[in-house]
Amino acid sequence: MVHLYSQQRMNRKLKTAYKVLFDKNVEIIELQNKIPETSNNDKDTLNRKLISAPENNNEKSKKIVLPEPLQKELLSRILAFMENTSQICNPDFTMERLSESIHSNHLYVSHVINNILKKNFNSFLNSYRIRESQKLFSDPNTSKYTVEFVAKTVGYKSRNSFNEAFKEITGITPGFYTKALNRNS
């Protein structure tokens, strides 16, 4: 009997913790919707150093050195491009496509994402895709869609990888997220 009581108490605590995580995720989405879009830099002003490849790109041991102003410019171009959901929600979107789209070299793009944002490309891309899925789940026009449909819409090839990424980024499962949204409606 004592074991059953402690299990019920743990389940209540877990449910409360998930509710707090859900509320924080909704708050983050609302804040992100209020942030104005950043403008793209004019293509004519792009610095040639961001377009050209490092001299010896076959040697991974060579450290890429980009001056800080160029890193900041490249970062702003990367972030501005990532707001384009039609591109990032393509299941075949890669770092090479991102690099081509912002007129840079994939080694520089990788360097900026890894060293400034402290993420790898997949984690960086997943954060944008999951944010987009949260918007879809929250939108009353699309709230009836299944988790699998939303996963495919935001660029995941399988529901399993979507579930893993969603839980890693938000702390809760997509199923719990949608149930909590429906309860709050």
Protein backbone atom coordinates (compact mmCIF):
# COMPACT_ATOMS: atom_id res chain seq x y z
CA MET A 1 0.00 0.00 0.00
CA VAL A 2 2.86 2.35 0.85
CA HIS A 3 4.49 1.67 -2.52
CA LEU A 4 1.27 2.52 -4.38
CA TYR A 5 0.90 5.79 -2.44
CA SER A 6 4.49 6.86 -3.19
CA GLN A 7 4.06 5.96 -6.88
CA GLN A 8 0.91 8.12 -7.07
CA ARG A 9 2.72 10.98 -5.35
CA MET A 10 5.63 10.71 -7.81
CA ASN A 11 3.20 10.70 -10.73
CA ARG A 12 1.54 13.88 -9.42
CA LYS A 13 4.93 15.57 -9.04
CA LEU A 14 5.92 14.50 -12.55
CA LYS A 15 2.65 15.81 -13.97
CA THR A 16 3.21 19.15 -12.17
CA ALA A 17 6.76 19.36 -13.54
CA TYR A 18 5.51 18.68 -17.07
CA LYS A 19 2.87 21.37 -16.64
CA VAL A 20 5.57 23.88 -15.64
CA LEU A 21 7.66 22.88 -18.68
CA PHE A 22 4.62 23.25 -20.92
CA ASP A 23 3.85 26.72 -19.55
CA LYS A 24 7.47 27.80 -20.12
CA ASN A 25 7.35 26.51 -23.70
CA VAL A 26 4.15 28.45 -24.41
CA GLU A 27 5.73 31.57 -22.89
CA ILE A 28 8.80 31.17 -25.12
CA ILE A 29 6.65 30.79 -28.25
CA GLU A 30 4.69 33.93 -27.36
CA LEU A 31 7.93 35.88 -26.85
CA GLN A 32 9.37 34.63 -30.14
CA ASN A 33 6.25 35.75 -31.98
CA LYS A 34 6.75 39.27 -30.64
CA ILE A 35 10.36 39.58 -31.89
CA PRO A 36 10.49 41.51 -35.19
CA GLU A 37 12.11 39.76 -38.15
CA THR A 38 15.70 40.61 -38.87
CA SER A 39 16.46 42.03 -42.28
CA ASN A 40 18.77 40.30 -44.75
CA ASN A 41 21.93 42.12 -45.74
CA ASP A 42 22.10 43.27 -49.33
CA LYS A 43 23.90 40.63 -51.45
CA ASP A 44 26.18 43.28 -52.95
CA THR A 45 27.64 44.08 -49.53
CA LEU A 46 28.71 40.52 -48.77
CA ASN A 47 32.35 40.23 -47.89
CA ARG A 48 34.44 38.06 -50.23
CA LYS A 49 36.10 36.40 -47.28
CA LEU A 50 32.80 34.80 -46.31
CA ILE A 51 32.34 33.33 -49.76
CA SER A 52 35.78 31.87 -50.39
CA ALA A 53 36.89 28.60 -48.90
CA PRO A 54 39.79 28.30 -46.49
CA GLU A 55 43.02 27.58 -48.34
CA ASN A 56 43.44 23.99 -47.22
CA ASN A 57 39.96 22.68 -46.50
CA ASN A 58 41.00 19.01 -46.66
CA GLU A 59 42.96 19.34 -43.44
CA LYS A 60 40.49 19.32 -40.57
CA SER A 61 43.31 20.00 -38.13
CA LYS A 62 43.69 23.53 -39.54
CA LYS A 63 41.87 26.00 -37.36
CA ILE A 64 39.49 28.33 -39.16
CA VAL A 65 40.15 31.93 -38.29
CA LEU A 66 37.47 34.48 -39.06
CA PRO A 67 37.69 38.01 -37.74
CA GLU A 68 34.98 38.80 -35.20
CA PRO A 69 33.11 41.31 -37.43
CA LEU A 70 32.88 38.67 -40.18
CA GLN A 71 31.67 36.07 -37.71
CA LYS A 72 28.96 38.45 -36.50
CA GLU A 73 27.88 39.26 -40.05
CA LEU A 74 27.77 35.59 -40.98
CA LEU A 75 25.84 34.77 -37.82
CA SER A 76 23.24 37.43 -38.57
CA ARG A 77 22.84 36.07 -42.11
CA ILE A 78 22.48 32.52 -40.79
CA LEU A 79 19.86 33.54 -38.22
CA ALA A 80 17.93 35.64 -40.74
CA PHE A 81 17.87 32.75 -43.19
CA MET A 82 16.74 30.24 -40.56
CA GLU A 83 13.54 32.23 -40.12
CA ASN A 84 12.56 31.10 -43.65
CA THR A 85 10.48 28.09 -42.68
CA SER A 86 9.80 26.96 -46.23
CA GLN A 87 13.50 26.17 -46.61
CA ILE A 88 14.31 24.67 -43.21
CA CYS A 89 11.21 22.46 -43.21
CA ASN A 90 12.47 20.65 -46.29
CA PRO A 91 13.55 17.16 -45.10
CA ASP A 92 16.61 17.38 -47.36
CA PHE A 93 17.84 20.70 -45.93
CA THR A 94 21.58 20.51 -45.20
CA MET A 95 24.38 22.75 -44.08
CA GLU A 96 25.55 22.90 -47.68
CA ARG A 97 22.17 24.30 -48.75
CA LEU A 98 22.31 26.83 -45.94
CA SER A 99 25.81 27.84 -46.99
CA GLU A 100 24.81 28.24 -50.64
CA SER A 101 21.73 30.23 -49.69
CA ILE A 102 23.66 32.75 -47.62
CA HIS A 103 26.55 32.84 -50.12
CA SER A 104 29.20 31.45 -47.83
CA ASN A 105 31.39 28.43 -47.38
CA HIS A 106 30.10 25.46 -45.37
CA LEU A 107 33.26 25.38 -43.25
CA TYR A 108 32.68 28.97 -42.15
CA VAL A 109 29.01 28.32 -41.47
CA SER A 110 29.90 25.24 -39.43
CA HIS A 111 32.55 27.20 -37.54
CA VAL A 112 30.09 29.95 -36.59
CA ILE A 113 27.34 27.53 -35.52
CA ASN A 114 29.74 25.37 -33.50
CA ASN A 115 31.82 28.09 -31.87
CA ILE A 116 29.44 31.01 -31.42
CA LEU A 117 26.14 29.20 -30.87
CA LYS A 118 27.81 26.20 -29.19
CA LYS A 119 25.65 23.73 -31.13
CA ASN A 120 26.15 21.33 -33.97
CA PHE A 121 24.18 21.89 -37.17
CA ASN A 122 21.56 19.20 -36.42
CA SER A 123 20.79 20.62 -32.97
CA PHE A 124 20.60 24.11 -34.44
CA LEU A 125 18.22 22.99 -37.20
CA ASN A 126 16.12 20.94 -34.78
CA SER A 127 15.58 23.96 -32.53
CA TYR A 128 14.05 25.89 -35.45
CA ARG A 129 11.96 22.96 -36.63
CA ILE A 130 10.61 22.26 -33.14
CA ARG A 131 9.77 25.94 -32.68
CA GLU A 132 7.82 25.77 -35.94
CA SER A 133 6.01 22.61 -34.77
CA GLN A 134 5.01 24.38 -31.56
CA LYS A 135 3.53 27.18 -33.63
CA LEU A 136 1.56 24.64 -35.68
CA PHE A 137 0.29 22.87 -32.56
CA SER A 138 -0.75 26.24 -31.06
CA ASP A 139 -2.52 27.53 -34.16
CA PRO A 140 -6.29 26.93 -33.89
CA ASN A 141 -6.46 26.28 -37.66
CA THR A 142 -3.94 23.44 -37.47
CA SER A 143 -4.55 22.15 -33.95
CA LYS A 144 -6.44 19.11 -35.28
CA TYR A 145 -3.38 17.77 -37.14
CA THR A 146 -1.72 14.62 -35.89
CA VAL A 147 1.76 14.59 -34.42
CA GLU A 148 2.96 12.59 -37.43
CA PHE A 149 1.55 15.15 -39.88
CA VAL A 150 3.22 18.03 -38.03
CA ALA A 151 6.51 16.09 -37.90
CA LYS A 152 6.45 15.63 -41.69
CA THR A 153 5.40 19.27 -42.21
CA VAL A 154 8.39 20.62 -40.30
CA GLY A 155 10.88 18.38 -42.09
CA TYR A 156 11.25 15.16 -40.12
CA LYS A 157 11.28 11.92 -42.04
CA SER A 158 10.08 9.85 -39.07
CA ARG A 159 7.84 10.46 -36.10
CA ASN A 160 10.41 8.83 -33.84
CA SER A 161 13.16 11.35 -34.63
CA PHE A 162 10.63 14.17 -34.23
CA ASN A 163 9.57 12.86 -30.80
CA GLU A 164 13.19 12.60 -29.66
CA ALA A 165 14.07 16.10 -30.86
CA PHE A 166 10.88 17.60 -29.40
CA LYS A 167 11.50 16.07 -25.99
CA GLU A 168 15.18 17.03 -26.02
CA ILE A 169 14.38 20.68 -26.80
CA THR A 170 11.17 21.22 -24.81
CA GLY A 171 11.54 18.66 -22.04
CA ILE A 172 8.13 17.14 -22.80
CA THR A 173 6.71 14.85 -25.47
CA PRO A 174 4.67 16.20 -28.40
CA GLY A 175 1.69 14.17 -27.17
CA PHE A 176 1.80 15.78 -23.74
CA TYR A 177 2.27 19.19 -25.35
CA THR A 178 -0.82 18.83 -27.53
CA LYS A 179 -2.92 17.46 -24.65
CA ALA A 180 -1.88 20.38 -22.45
CA LEU A 181 -2.71 22.83 -25.23
CA ASN A 182 -6.16 21.28 -25.62
CA ARG A 183 -6.79 21.49 -21.85
CA ASN A 184 -5.79 25.17 -21.82
CA SER A 185 -8.08 26.03 -24.74
